[in-house]
PDB file of N, CA and C in Angstrom:
ATOM      1  N   MET A   1      13.057 -74.310  -1.410  1.00  0.00           N
ATOM      2  CA  MET A   1      14.265 -74.788  -1.278  1.00  0.00           C
ATOM      3  C   MET A   1      14.866 -74.364   0.098  1.00  0.00           C
ATOM      4  N   ASN A   2      15.482 -75.261   0.805  1.00  0.00           N
ATOM      5  CA  ASN A   2      16.010 -74.899   2.098  1.00  0.00           C
ATOM      6  C   ASN A   2      17.385 -74.309   1.985  1.00  0.00           C
ATOM      7  N   ASN A   3      17.858 -73.701   2.990  1.00  0.00           N
ATOM      8  CA  ASN A   3      19.139 -72.944   2.978  1.00  0.00           C
ATOM      9  C   ASN A   3      20.339 -73.879   2.879  1.00  0.00           C
ATOM     10  N   VAL A   4      20.246 -74.948   3.355  1.00  0.00           N
ATOM     11  CA  VAL A   4      21.453 -75.980   3.396  1.00  0.00           C
ATOM     12  C   VAL A   4      21.687 -76.476   1.942  1.00  0.00           C
ATOM     13  N   LYS A   5      20.581 -76.782   1.209  1.00  0.00           N
ATOM     14  CA  LYS A   5      20.679 -77.267  -0.128  1.00  0.00           C
ATOM     15  C   LYS A   5      21.154 -76.151  -1.013  1.00  0.00           C
ATOM     16  N   LEU A   6      20.672 -74.952  -0.771  1.00  0.00           N
ATOM     17  CA  LEU A   6      21.149 -73.753  -1.523  1.00  0.00           C
ATOM     18  C   LEU A   6      22.559 -73.553  -1.302  1.00  0.00           C
ATOM     19  N   LYS A   7      23.015 -73.697  -0.144  1.00  0.00           N
ATOM     20  CA  LYS A   7      24.429 -73.474   0.219  1.00  0.00           C
ATOM     21  C   LYS A   7      25.288 -74.465  -0.424  1.00  0.00           C
ATOM     22  N   ASN A   8      24.926 -75.778  -0.402  1.00  0.00           N
ATOM     23  CA  ASN A   8      25.608 -76.869  -1.117  1.00  0.00           C
ATOM     24  C   ASN A   8      25.777 -76.637  -2.566  1.00  0.00           C
ATOM     25  N   LEU A   9      24.668 -76.123  -3.166  1.00  0.00           N
ATOM     26  CA  LEU A   9      24.730 -75.917  -4.597  1.00  0.00           C
ATOM     27  C   LEU A   9      25.681 -74.861  -4.888  1.00  0.00           C
ATOM     28  N   ILE A  10      25.698 -73.735  -4.117  1.00  0.00           N
ATOM     29  CA  ILE A  10      26.631 -72.716  -4.344  1.00  0.00           C
ATOM     30  C   ILE A  10      28.015 -73.126  -4.100  1.00  0.00           C
ATOM     31  N   VAL A  11      28.269 -73.810  -3.028  1.00  0.00           N
ATOM     32  CA  VAL A  11      29.694 -74.332  -2.817  1.00  0.00           C
ATOM     33  C   VAL A  11      30.109 -75.282  -3.927  1.00  0.00           C
ATOM     34  N   ASN A  12      29.239 -76.161  -4.359  1.00  0.00           N
ATOM     35  CA  ASN A  12      29.681 -77.102  -5.500  1.00  0.00           C
ATOM     36  C   ASN A  12      29.917 -76.462  -6.766  1.00  0.00           C
ATOM     37  N   SER A  13      29.187 -75.278  -6.914  1.00  0.00           N
ATOM     38  CA  SER A  13      29.478 -74.607  -8.317  1.00  0.00           C
ATOM     39  C   SER A  13      30.666 -73.892  -8.241  1.00  0.00           C
ATOM     40  N   LEU A  14      31.383 -73.591  -7.052  1.00  0.00           N
ATOM     41  CA  LEU A  14      32.621 -72.908  -6.971  1.00  0.00           C
ATOM     42  C   LEU A  14      33.803 -73.886  -6.903  1.00  0.00           C
ATOM     43  N   GLY A  15      33.605 -75.234  -7.100  1.00  0.00           N
ATOM     44  CA  GLY A  15      34.632 -76.202  -7.153  1.00  0.00           C
ATOM     45  C   GLY A  15      35.552 -76.121  -8.285  1.00  0.00           C
ATOM     46  N   LYS A  16      36.627 -76.777  -8.155  1.00  0.00           N
ATOM     47  CA  LYS A  16      37.691 -76.691  -9.234  1.00  0.00           C
ATOM     48  C   LYS A  16      37.283 -77.380 -10.485  1.00  0.00           C
ATOM     49  N   ASP A  17      36.581 -78.536 -10.366  1.00  0.00           N
ATOM     50  CA  ASP A  17      36.158 -79.317 -11.559  1.00  0.00           C
ATOM     51  C   ASP A  17      34.945 -78.638 -12.174  1.00  0.00           C
ATOM     52  N   ASN A  18      35.001 -78.488 -13.537  1.00  0.00           N
ATOM     53  CA  ASN A  18      34.040 -77.849 -14.213  1.00  0.00           C
ATOM     54  C   ASN A  18      32.900 -78.761 -14.579  1.00  0.00           C
ATOM     55  N   ASP A  19      31.638 -78.492 -14.313  1.00  0.00           N
ATOM     56  CA  ASP A  19      30.498 -79.332 -14.610  1.00  0.00           C
ATOM     57  C   ASP A  19      29.711 -78.894 -15.865  1.00  0.00           C
ATOM     58  N   ASP A  20      30.280 -78.014 -16.606  1.00  0.00           N
ATOM     59  CA  ASP A  20      29.611 -77.466 -17.794  1.00  0.00           C
ATOM     60  C   ASP A  20      28.252 -76.706 -17.503  1.00  0.00           C
ATOM     61  N   GLY A  21      28.107 -76.215 -16.410  1.00  0.00           N
ATOM     62  CA  GLY A  21      26.943 -75.484 -16.054  1.00  0.00           C
ATOM     63  C   GLY A  21      25.797 -76.264 -15.368  1.00  0.00           C
ATOM     64  N   LYS A  22      26.001 -77.529 -15.152  1.00  0.00           N
ATOM     65  CA  LYS A  22      24.970 -78.322 -14.576  1.00  0.00           C
ATOM     66  C   LYS A  22      24.548 -77.822 -13.217  1.00  0.00           C
ATOM     67  N   ILE A  23      25.441 -77.519 -12.388  1.00  0.00           N
ATOM     68  CA  ILE A  23      25.081 -77.026 -10.985  1.00  0.00           C
ATOM     69  C   ILE A  23      24.381 -75.671 -11.111  1.00  0.00           C
ATOM     70  N   THR A  24      24.957 -74.895 -11.945  1.00  0.00           N
ATOM     71  CA  THR A  24      24.435 -73.472 -12.181  1.00  0.00           C
ATOM     72  C   THR A  24      22.969 -73.573 -12.653  1.00  0.00           C
ATOM     73  N   SER A  25      22.701 -74.453 -13.606  1.00  0.00           N
ATOM     74  CA  SER A  25      21.377 -74.620 -14.191  1.00  0.00           C
ATOM     75  C   SER A  25      20.465 -75.172 -13.091  1.00  0.00           C
ATOM     76  N   GLU A  26      20.961 -76.124 -12.249  1.00  0.00           N
ATOM     77  CA  GLU A  26      20.083 -76.646 -11.125  1.00  0.00           C
ATOM     78  C   GLU A  26      19.844 -75.538 -10.163  1.00  0.00           C
ATOM     79  N   LEU A  27      20.798 -74.710  -9.795  1.00  0.00           N
ATOM     80  CA  LEU A  27      20.686 -73.660  -8.900  1.00  0.00           C
ATOM     81  C   LEU A  27      19.684 -72.588  -9.393  1.00  0.00           C
ATOM     82  N   LEU A  28      19.693 -72.384 -10.740  1.00  0.00           N
ATOM     83  CA  LEU A  28      18.758 -71.400 -11.372  1.00  0.00           C
ATOM     84  C   LEU A  28      17.374 -71.964 -11.343  1.00  0.00           C
ATOM     85  N   ALA A  29      17.222 -73.323 -11.508  1.00  0.00           N
ATOM     86  CA  ALA A  29      15.908 -73.945 -11.542  1.00  0.00           C
ATOM     87  C   ALA A  29      15.296 -73.930 -10.060  1.00  0.00           C
ATOM     88  N   GLU A  30      16.103 -73.910  -9.093  1.00  0.00           N
ATOM     89  CA  GLU A  30      15.615 -73.932  -7.699  1.00  0.00           C
ATOM     90  C   GLU A  30      15.269 -72.680  -7.142  1.00  0.00           C
ATOM     91  N   ILE A  31      15.907 -71.560  -7.679  1.00  0.00           N
ATOM     92  CA  ILE A  31      15.652 -70.258  -7.123  1.00  0.00           C
ATOM     93  C   ILE A  31      14.365 -69.711  -7.672  1.00  0.00           C
ATOM     94  N   ASP A  32      13.539 -69.164  -6.747  1.00  0.00           N
ATOM     95  CA  ASP A  32      12.355 -68.630  -7.165  1.00  0.00           C
ATOM     96  C   ASP A  32      12.452 -67.043  -7.089  1.00  0.00           C
ATOM     97  N   TYR A  33      12.210 -66.460  -8.252  1.00  0.00           N
ATOM     98  CA  TYR A  33      12.245 -65.025  -8.366  1.00  0.00           C
ATOM     99  C   TYR A  33      10.810 -64.537  -8.088  1.00  0.00           C
ATOM    100  N   ASP A  34      10.688 -63.848  -6.994  1.00  0.00           N
ATOM    101  CA  ASP A  34       9.318 -63.316  -6.698  1.00  0.00           C
ATOM    102  C   ASP A  34       9.391 -61.796  -6.535  1.00  0.00           C
ATOM    103  N   PHE A  35       8.878 -61.087  -7.526  1.00  0.00           N
ATOM    104  CA  PHE A  35       8.795 -59.693  -7.515  1.00  0.00           C
ATOM    105  C   PHE A  35       7.485 -59.119  -7.209  1.00  0.00           C
ATOM    106  N   ASP A  36       7.505 -57.993  -6.494  1.00  0.00           N
ATOM    107  CA  ASP A  36       6.209 -57.379  -6.128  1.00  0.00           C
ATOM    108  C   ASP A  36       5.521 -56.785  -7.335  1.00  0.00           C
ATOM    109  N   LYS A  37       4.285 -56.439  -7.137  1.00  0.00           N
ATOM    110  CA  LYS A  37       3.537 -55.785  -8.248  1.00  0.00           C
ATOM    111  C   LYS A  37       4.156 -54.405  -8.430  1.00  0.00           C
ATOM    112  N   GLY A  38       4.276 -54.000  -9.678  1.00  0.00           N
ATOM    113  CA  GLY A  38       4.872 -52.702 -10.049  1.00  0.00           C
ATOM    114  C   GLY A  38       6.355 -52.625  -9.935  1.00  0.00           C
ATOM    115  N   PHE A  39       7.010 -53.720  -9.872  1.00  0.00           N
ATOM    116  CA  PHE A  39       8.502 -53.779  -9.812  1.00  0.00           C
ATOM    117  C   PHE A  39       9.086 -53.196 -11.084  1.00  0.00           C
ATOM    118  N   GLU A  40       8.593 -53.557 -12.169  1.00  0.00           N
ATOM    119  CA  GLU A  40       9.147 -53.005 -13.529  1.00  0.00           C
ATOM    120  C   GLU A  40       8.994 -51.484 -13.580  1.00  0.00           C
ATOM    121  N   GLU A  41       7.761 -51.025 -13.134  1.00  0.00           N
ATOM    122  CA  GLU A  41       7.523 -49.643 -13.246  1.00  0.00           C
ATOM    123  C   GLU A  41       8.424 -48.915 -12.243  1.00  0.00           C
ATOM    124  N   ASN A  42       8.717 -49.383 -11.054  1.00  0.00           N
ATOM    125  CA  ASN A  42       9.524 -48.747 -10.132  1.00  0.00           C
ATOM    126  C   ASN A  42      10.987 -48.701 -10.686  1.00  0.00           C
ATOM    127  N   VAL A  43      11.499 -49.761 -11.251  1.00  0.00           N
ATOM    128  CA  VAL A  43      12.801 -49.676 -11.818  1.00  0.00           C
ATOM    129  C   VAL A  43      12.934 -48.689 -12.863  1.00  0.00           C
ATOM    130  N   LEU A  44      11.978 -48.683 -13.795  1.00  0.00           N
ATOM    131  CA  LEU A  44      12.027 -47.753 -14.959  1.00  0.00           C
ATOM    132  C   LEU A  44      11.898 -46.401 -14.402  1.00  0.00           C
ATOM    133  N   ALA A  45      11.024 -46.134 -13.404  1.00  0.00           N
ATOM    134  CA  ALA A  45      10.976 -44.787 -12.802  1.00  0.00           C
ATOM    135  C   ALA A  45      12.303 -44.230 -12.208  1.00  0.00           C
ATOM    136  N   LYS A  46      12.981 -45.239 -11.487  1.00  0.00           N
ATOM    137  CA  LYS A  46      14.305 -44.860 -10.979  1.00  0.00           C
ATOM    138  C   LYS A  46      15.301 -44.583 -12.116  1.00  0.00           C
ATOM    139  N   ILE A  47      15.347 -45.378 -13.129  1.00  0.00           N
ATOM    140  CA  ILE A  47      16.273 -45.065 -14.220  1.00  0.00           C
ATOM    141  C   ILE A  47      15.950 -43.709 -14.844  1.00  0.00           C
ATOM    142  N   PHE A  48      14.679 -43.449 -15.100  1.00  0.00           N
ATOM    143  CA  PHE A  48      14.349 -42.166 -15.722  1.00  0.00           C
ATOM    144  C   PHE A  48      14.661 -40.952 -14.811  1.00  0.00           C
ATOM    145  N   ASN A  49      14.397 -41.230 -13.458  1.00  0.00           N
ATOM    146  CA  ASN A  49      14.629 -40.209 -12.519  1.00  0.00           C
ATOM    147  C   ASN A  49      16.144 -39.926 -12.393  1.00  0.00           C
ATOM    148  N   THR A  50      16.969 -41.012 -12.580  1.00  0.00           N
ATOM    149  CA  THR A  50      18.516 -40.767 -12.478  1.00  0.00           C
ATOM    150  C   THR A  50      18.816 -39.911 -13.698  1.00  0.00           C
ATOM    151  N   GLY A  51      18.245 -40.200 -14.862  1.00  0.00           N
ATOM    152  CA  GLY A  51      18.595 -39.366 -15.981  1.00  0.00           C
ATOM    153  C   GLY A  51      18.330 -37.943 -15.685  1.00  0.00           C
ATOM    154  N   LYS A  52      17.265 -37.585 -15.071  1.00  0.00           N
ATOM    155  CA  LYS A  52      16.919 -36.178 -14.738  1.00  0.00           C
ATOM    156  C   LYS A  52      17.934 -35.670 -13.769  1.00  0.00           C
ATOM    157  N   VAL A  53      18.444 -36.465 -12.802  1.00  0.00           N
ATOM    158  CA  VAL A  53      19.460 -36.003 -11.893  1.00  0.00           C
ATOM    159  C   VAL A  53      20.759 -35.657 -12.573  1.00  0.00           C
ATOM    160  N   ILE A  54      21.132 -36.543 -13.588  1.00  0.00           N
ATOM    161  CA  ILE A  54      22.364 -36.326 -14.318  1.00  0.00           C
ATOM    162  C   ILE A  54      22.152 -35.080 -15.112  1.00  0.00           C
ATOM    163  N   ARG A  55      21.089 -34.894 -15.832  1.00  0.00           N
ATOM    164  CA  ARG A  55      20.871 -33.623 -16.494  1.00  0.00           C
ATOM    165  C   ARG A  55      20.869 -32.397 -15.678  1.00  0.00           C
ATOM    166  N   TYR A  56      20.312 -32.517 -14.398  1.00  0.00           N
ATOM    167  CA  TYR A  56      20.370 -31.398 -13.510  1.00  0.00           C
ATOM    168  C   TYR A  56      21.729 -31.059 -13.098  1.00  0.00           C
ATOM    169  N   GLU A  57      22.493 -32.113 -12.863  1.00  0.00           N
ATOM    170  CA  GLU A  57      24.028 -31.947 -12.418  1.00  0.00           C
ATOM    171  C   GLU A  57      24.759 -31.279 -13.647  1.00  0.00           C
ATOM    172  N   PHE A  58      24.526 -31.774 -14.858  1.00  0.00           N
ATOM    173  CA  PHE A  58      25.225 -31.156 -15.944  1.00  0.00           C
ATOM    174  C   PHE A  58      24.817 -29.692 -16.096  1.00  0.00           C
ATOM    175  N   ASP A  59      23.521 -29.368 -16.018  1.00  0.00           N
ATOM    176  CA  ASP A  59      23.034 -27.953 -16.124  1.00  0.00           C
ATOM    177  C   ASP A  59      23.750 -27.122 -15.035  1.00  0.00           C
ATOM    178  N   ARG A  60      23.722 -27.592 -13.846  1.00  0.00           N
ATOM    179  CA  ARG A  60      24.309 -26.859 -12.648  1.00  0.00           C
ATOM    180  C   ARG A  60      25.775 -26.696 -12.913  1.00  0.00           C
ATOM    181  N   ARG A  61      26.510 -27.611 -13.378  1.00  0.00           N
ATOM    182  CA  ARG A  61      27.982 -27.448 -13.522  1.00  0.00           C
ATOM    183  C   ARG A  61      28.240 -26.601 -14.766  1.00  0.00           C
ATOM    184  N   LEU A  62      27.386 -26.643 -15.746  1.00  0.00           N
ATOM    185  CA  LEU A  62      27.541 -25.745 -16.893  1.00  0.00           C
ATOM    186  C   LEU A  62      27.379 -24.261 -16.496  1.00  0.00           C
ATOM    187  N   LYS A  63      26.277 -24.003 -15.650  1.00  0.00           N
ATOM    188  CA  LYS A  63      26.183 -22.625 -15.195  1.00  0.00           C
ATOM    189  C   LYS A  63      27.285 -22.174 -14.274  1.00  0.00           C
ATOM    190  N   PHE A  64      27.798 -23.052 -13.443  1.00  0.00           N
ATOM    191  CA  PHE A  64      28.914 -22.644 -12.602  1.00  0.00           C
ATOM    192  C   PHE A  64      30.141 -22.304 -13.536  1.00  0.00           C
ATOM    193  N   ALA A  65      30.409 -23.058 -14.595  1.00  0.00           N
ATOM    194  CA  ALA A  65      31.516 -22.813 -15.461  1.00  0.00           C
ATOM    195  C   ALA A  65      31.236 -21.565 -16.247  1.00  0.00           C
ATOM    196  N   PHE A  66      30.025 -21.299 -16.671  1.00  0.00           N
ATOM    197  CA  PHE A  66      29.777 -20.041 -17.305  1.00  0.00           C
ATOM    198  C   PHE A  66      29.918 -18.841 -16.468  1.00  0.00           C
ATOM    199  N   ARG A  67      29.497 -18.961 -15.205  1.00  0.00           N
ATOM    200  CA  ARG A  67      29.720 -17.847 -14.313  1.00  0.00           C
ATOM    201  C   ARG A  67      31.179 -17.619 -14.025  1.00  0.00           C
ATOM    202  N   SER A  68      31.905 -18.608 -13.838  1.00  0.00           N
ATOM    203  CA  SER A  68      33.380 -18.450 -13.652  1.00  0.00           C
ATOM    204  C   SER A  68      34.054 -17.830 -14.701  1.00  0.00           C
ATOM    205  N   VAL A  69      33.778 -18.218 -15.990  1.00  0.00           N
ATOM    206  CA  VAL A  69      34.407 -17.753 -17.150  1.00  0.00           C
ATOM    207  C   VAL A  69      33.950 -16.239 -17.352  1.00  0.00           C
ATOM    208  N   SER A  70      32.602 -15.978 -17.202  1.00  0.00           N
ATOM    209  CA  SER A  70      32.172 -14.561 -17.396  1.00  0.00           C
ATOM    210  C   SER A  70      32.756 -13.635 -16.244  1.00  0.00           C
ATOM    211  N   ILE A  71      32.925 -14.033 -15.037  1.00  0.00           N
ATOM    212  CA  ILE A  71      33.540 -13.214 -14.007  1.00  0.00           C
ATOM    213  C   ILE A  71      34.938 -12.964 -14.405  1.00  0.00           C
ATOM    214  N   ALA A  72      35.690 -13.977 -14.820  1.00  0.00           N
ATOM    215  CA  ALA A  72      37.051 -13.695 -15.208  1.00  0.00           C
ATOM    216  C   ALA A  72      37.170 -12.809 -16.409  1.00  0.00           C
ATOM    217  N   THR A  73      36.253 -12.988 -17.293  1.00  0.00           N
ATOM    218  CA  THR A  73      36.304 -12.017 -18.511  1.00  0.00           C
ATOM    219  C   THR A  73      35.949 -10.652 -18.122  1.00  0.00           C
ATOM    220  N   ALA A  74      35.032 -10.409 -17.272  1.00  0.00           N
ATOM    221  CA  ALA A  74      34.674  -9.076 -16.798  1.00  0.00           C
ATOM    222  C   ALA A  74      35.840  -8.507 -16.132  1.00  0.00           C
ATOM    223  N   ALA A  75      36.474  -9.240 -15.263  1.00  0.00           N
ATOM    224  CA  ALA A  75      37.675  -8.644 -14.618  1.00  0.00           C
ATOM    225  C   ALA A  75      38.868  -8.358 -15.478  1.00  0.00           C
ATOM    226  N   ALA A  76      39.026  -9.116 -16.537  1.00  0.00           N
ATOM    227  CA  ALA A  76      40.040  -8.853 -17.555  1.00  0.00           C
ATOM    228  C   ALA A  76      39.790  -7.527 -18.349  1.00  0.00           C
ATOM    229  N   VAL A  77      38.485  -7.377 -18.651  1.00  0.00           N
ATOM    230  CA  VAL A  77      38.070  -6.157 -19.388  1.00  0.00           C
ATOM    231  C   VAL A  77      38.246  -4.941 -18.518  1.00  0.00           C
ATOM    232  N   ILE A  78      37.917  -5.034 -17.218  1.00  0.00           N
ATOM    233  CA  ILE A  78      38.136  -3.922 -16.348  1.00  0.00           C
ATOM    234  C   ILE A  78      39.532  -3.618 -16.196  1.00  0.00           C
ATOM    235  N   LEU A  79      40.413  -4.591 -16.089  1.00  0.00           N
ATOM    236  CA  LEU A  79      41.853  -4.360 -15.919  1.00  0.00           C
ATOM    237  C   LEU A  79      42.414  -3.702 -17.231  1.00  0.00           C
ATOM    238  N   LEU A  80      41.899  -4.167 -18.352  1.00  0.00           N
ATOM    239  CA  LEU A  80      42.390  -3.645 -19.655  1.00  0.00           C
ATOM    240  C   LEU A  80      41.989  -2.199 -19.798  1.00  0.00           C
ATOM    241  N   MET A  81      40.736  -1.769 -19.439  1.00  0.00           N
ATOM    242  CA  MET A  81      40.366  -0.400 -19.403  1.00  0.00           C
ATOM    243  C   MET A  81      41.135   0.430 -18.415  1.00  0.00           C
ATOM    244  N   ILE A  82      41.453   0.029 -17.286  1.00  0.00           N
ATOM    245  CA  ILE A  82      42.224   0.682 -16.357  1.00  0.00           C
ATOM    246  C   ILE A  82      43.653   0.943 -16.902  1.00  0.00           C
ATOM    247  N   SER A  83      44.239  -0.086 -17.539  1.00  0.00           N
ATOM    248  CA  SER A  83      45.673  -0.008 -18.074  1.00  0.00           C
ATOM    249  C   SER A  83      45.607   1.066 -19.285  1.00  0.00           C
ATOM    250  N   ILE A  84      44.498   1.036 -20.032  1.00  0.00           N
ATOM    251  CA  ILE A  84      44.452   2.014 -21.223  1.00  0.00           C
ATOM    252  C   ILE A  84      44.262   3.383 -20.600  1.00  0.00           C
ATOM    253  N   PHE A  85      43.525   3.489 -19.597  1.00  0.00           N
ATOM    254  CA  PHE A  85      43.314   4.882 -18.964  1.00  0.00           C
ATOM    255  C   PHE A  85      44.569   5.413 -18.380  1.00  0.00           C
ATOM    256  N   LEU A  86      45.430   4.476 -17.800  1.00  0.00           N
ATOM    257  CA  LEU A  86      46.726   4.993 -17.187  1.00  0.00           C
ATOM    258  C   LEU A  86      47.653   5.297 -18.330  1.00  0.00           C
ATOM    259  N   GLN A  87      47.710   4.615 -19.378  1.00  0.00           N
ATOM    260  CA  GLN A  87      48.616   4.915 -20.440  1.00  0.00           C
ATOM    261  C   GLN A  87      48.205   6.143 -21.290  1.00  0.00           C
ATOM    262  N   GLU A  88      46.918   6.253 -21.630  1.00  0.00           N
ATOM    263  CA  GLU A  88      46.556   7.285 -22.573  1.00  0.00           C
ATOM    264  C   GLU A  88      46.042   8.557 -21.865  1.00  0.00           C
ATOM    265  N   GLY A  89      45.531   8.437 -20.580  1.00  0.00           N
ATOM    266  CA  GLY A  89      45.054   9.526 -19.833  1.00  0.00           C
ATOM    267  C   GLY A  89      43.528   9.686 -20.070  1.00  0.00           C
ATOM    268  N   ASN A  90      42.975   8.994 -20.958  1.00  0.00           N
ATOM    269  CA  ASN A  90      41.441   9.182 -21.106  1.00  0.00           C
ATOM    270  C   ASN A  90      40.949   7.789 -21.697  1.00  0.00           C
ATOM    271  N   LEU A  91      39.623   7.674 -21.812  1.00  0.00           N
ATOM    272  CA  LEU A  91      38.989   6.484 -22.345  1.00  0.00           C
ATOM    273  C   LEU A  91      38.235   6.820 -23.597  1.00  0.00           C
ATOM    274  N   SER A  92      38.891   7.401 -24.651  1.00  0.00           N
ATOM    275  CA  SER A  92      38.189   7.680 -25.784  1.00  0.00           C
ATOM    276  C   SER A  92      38.056   6.497 -26.677  1.00  0.00           C
ATOM    277  N   ILE A  93      37.279   6.514 -27.609  1.00  0.00           N
ATOM    278  CA  ILE A  93      37.036   5.448 -28.626  1.00  0.00           C
ATOM    279  C   ILE A  93      38.423   5.060 -29.323  1.00  0.00           C
ATOM    280  N   ASP A  94      39.104   6.068 -29.684  1.00  0.00           N
ATOM    281  CA  ASP A  94      40.449   5.829 -30.256  1.00  0.00           C
ATOM    282  C   ASP A  94      41.378   5.042 -29.296  1.00  0.00           C
ATOM    283  N   SER A  95      41.370   5.402 -28.001  1.00  0.00           N
ATOM    284  CA  SER A  95      42.319   4.676 -27.177  1.00  0.00           C
ATOM    285  C   SER A  95      41.793   3.294 -26.806  1.00  0.00           C
ATOM    286  N   LEU A  96      40.436   3.116 -26.823  1.00  0.00           N
ATOM    287  CA  LEU A  96      39.933   1.705 -26.602  1.00  0.00           C
ATOM    288  C   LEU A  96      40.220   0.884 -27.869  1.00  0.00           C
ATOM    289  N   LEU A  97      40.156   1.436 -29.057  1.00  0.00           N
ATOM    290  CA  LEU A  97      40.480   0.687 -30.232  1.00  0.00           C
ATOM    291  C   LEU A  97      42.049   0.525 -30.403  1.00  0.00           C
ATOM    292  N   GLY A  98      42.849   1.303 -29.800  1.00  0.00           N
ATOM    293  CA  GLY A  98      44.306   1.212 -29.778  1.00  0.00           C
ATOM    294  C   GLY A  98      44.885   2.083 -30.967  1.00  0.00           C
ATOM    295  N   VAL A  99      44.172   2.990 -31.539  1.00  0.00           N
ATOM    296  CA  VAL A  99      44.671   3.763 -32.611  1.00  0.00           C
ATOM    297  C   VAL A  99      45.022   5.166 -32.136  1.00  0.00           C
ATOM    298  N   GLY A 100      46.087   5.754 -32.692  1.00  0.00           N
ATOM    299  CA  GLY A 100      46.467   7.090 -32.378  1.00  0.00           C
ATOM    300  C   GLY A 100      45.629   8.151 -33.113  1.00  0.00           C
ATOM    301  N   ASP A 101      45.765   9.426 -32.793  1.00  0.00           N
ATOM    302  CA  ASP A 101      45.098  10.493 -33.397  1.00  0.00           C
ATOM    303  C   ASP A 101      45.223  10.581 -34.969  1.00  0.00           C
ATOM    304  N   GLY A 102      46.485  10.573 -35.338  1.00  0.00           N
ATOM    305  CA  GLY A 102      46.791  10.617 -36.791  1.00  0.00           C
ATOM    306  C   GLY A 102      46.361   9.503 -37.557  1.00  0.00           C
ATOM    307  N   TYR A 103      46.466   8.272 -36.984  1.00  0.00           N
ATOM    308  CA  TYR A 103      46.027   7.104 -37.678  1.00  0.00           C
ATOM    309  C   TYR A 103      44.402   7.045 -37.713  1.00  0.00           C
ATOM    310  N   SER A 104      43.727   7.522 -36.852  1.00  0.00           N
ATOM    311  CA  SER A 104      42.326   7.534 -36.859  1.00  0.00           C
ATOM    312  C   SER A 104      41.782   8.427 -37.947  1.00  0.00           C
ATOM    313  N   GLU A 105      42.533   9.672 -38.131  1.00  0.00           N
ATOM    314  CA  GLU A 105      42.033  10.590 -39.222  1.00  0.00           C
ATOM    315  C   GLU A 105      42.290   9.976 -40.510  1.00  0.00           C
ATOM    316  N   SER A 106      43.429   9.350 -40.684  1.00  0.00           N
ATOM    317  CA  SER A 106      43.666   8.712 -42.017  1.00  0.00           C
ATOM    318  C   SER A 106      42.692   7.515 -42.290  1.00  0.00           C
ATOM    319  N   MET A 107      42.294   6.863 -41.300  1.00  0.00           N
ATOM    320  CA  MET A 107      41.390   5.756 -41.374  1.00  0.00           C
ATOM    321  C   MET A 107      39.967   6.246 -41.734  1.00  0.00           C
ATOM    322  N   VAL A 108      39.529   7.386 -41.084  1.00  0.00           N
ATOM    323  CA  VAL A 108      38.266   8.007 -41.493  1.00  0.00           C
ATOM    324  C   VAL A 108      38.216   8.481 -42.916  1.00  0.00           C
ATOM    325  N   SER A 109      39.309   9.012 -43.321  1.00  0.00           N
ATOM    326  CA  SER A 109      39.338   9.541 -44.770  1.00  0.00           C
ATOM    327  C   SER A 109      39.388   8.373 -45.708  1.00  0.00           C
ATOM    328  N   LEU A 110      39.995   7.272 -45.295  1.00  0.00           N
ATOM    329  CA  LEU A 110      39.941   6.074 -46.207  1.00  0.00           C
ATOM    330  C   LEU A 110      38.644   5.480 -46.283  1.00  0.00           C
ATOM    331  N   LEU A 111      37.811   5.487 -45.142  1.00  0.00           N
ATOM    332  CA  LEU A 111      36.546   4.820 -45.099  1.00  0.00           C
ATOM    333  C   LEU A 111      35.631   5.766 -45.828  1.00  0.00           C
ATOM    334  N   THR A 112      35.667   7.046 -45.744  1.00  0.00           N
ATOM    335  CA  THR A 112      34.623   7.910 -46.380  1.00  0.00           C
ATOM    336  C   THR A 112      34.978   8.208 -47.707  1.00  0.00           C
ATOM    337  N   GLY A 113      36.270   8.104 -48.132  1.00  0.00           N
ATOM    338  CA  GLY A 113      36.562   8.324 -49.456  1.00  0.00           C
ATOM    339  C   GLY A 113      36.904   9.736 -49.812  1.00  0.00           C
ATOM    340  N   ASP A 114      37.140  10.631 -48.747  1.00  0.00           N
ATOM    341  CA  ASP A 114      37.416  12.001 -48.895  1.00  0.00           C
ATOM    342  C   ASP A 114      38.925  12.239 -48.906  1.00  0.00           C
TER     343      ASP A 114
END
C-alpha cells in the first residue's frame, strides 16, 4: 500500500460522519504486520525482566526503609539510656525497668512467694 492511499484512509477515518467502521476495517485490511522472528519471545523477555526490576526496586526501597527505622530506633534507645543515667545516676536493671528499690524488693517477694 502506498503512503498516499494510507494517508487518505486515515484522514477519511477521522471525518465527522460515521461510517460504522468501514474505513477502519479497510485500513486494517491494507496494513501488513510484519514481525521479526523471535518477536514474541523478546516481548515476553522484556515483560519478565521488567518484573524483576520492579521486584529489585521494591527490595531496595524496603531495605532503605528498614535501615532508616532501625537507625532512628537505635538513636531513641541511646537517648533513653542517657536520660535514665542522668536521672538515676546509674544504669542498673531496676533503673532500666523503671522500678525503684522498694518496689523491686516487693516484686521479687511476690514472684518467689517468700
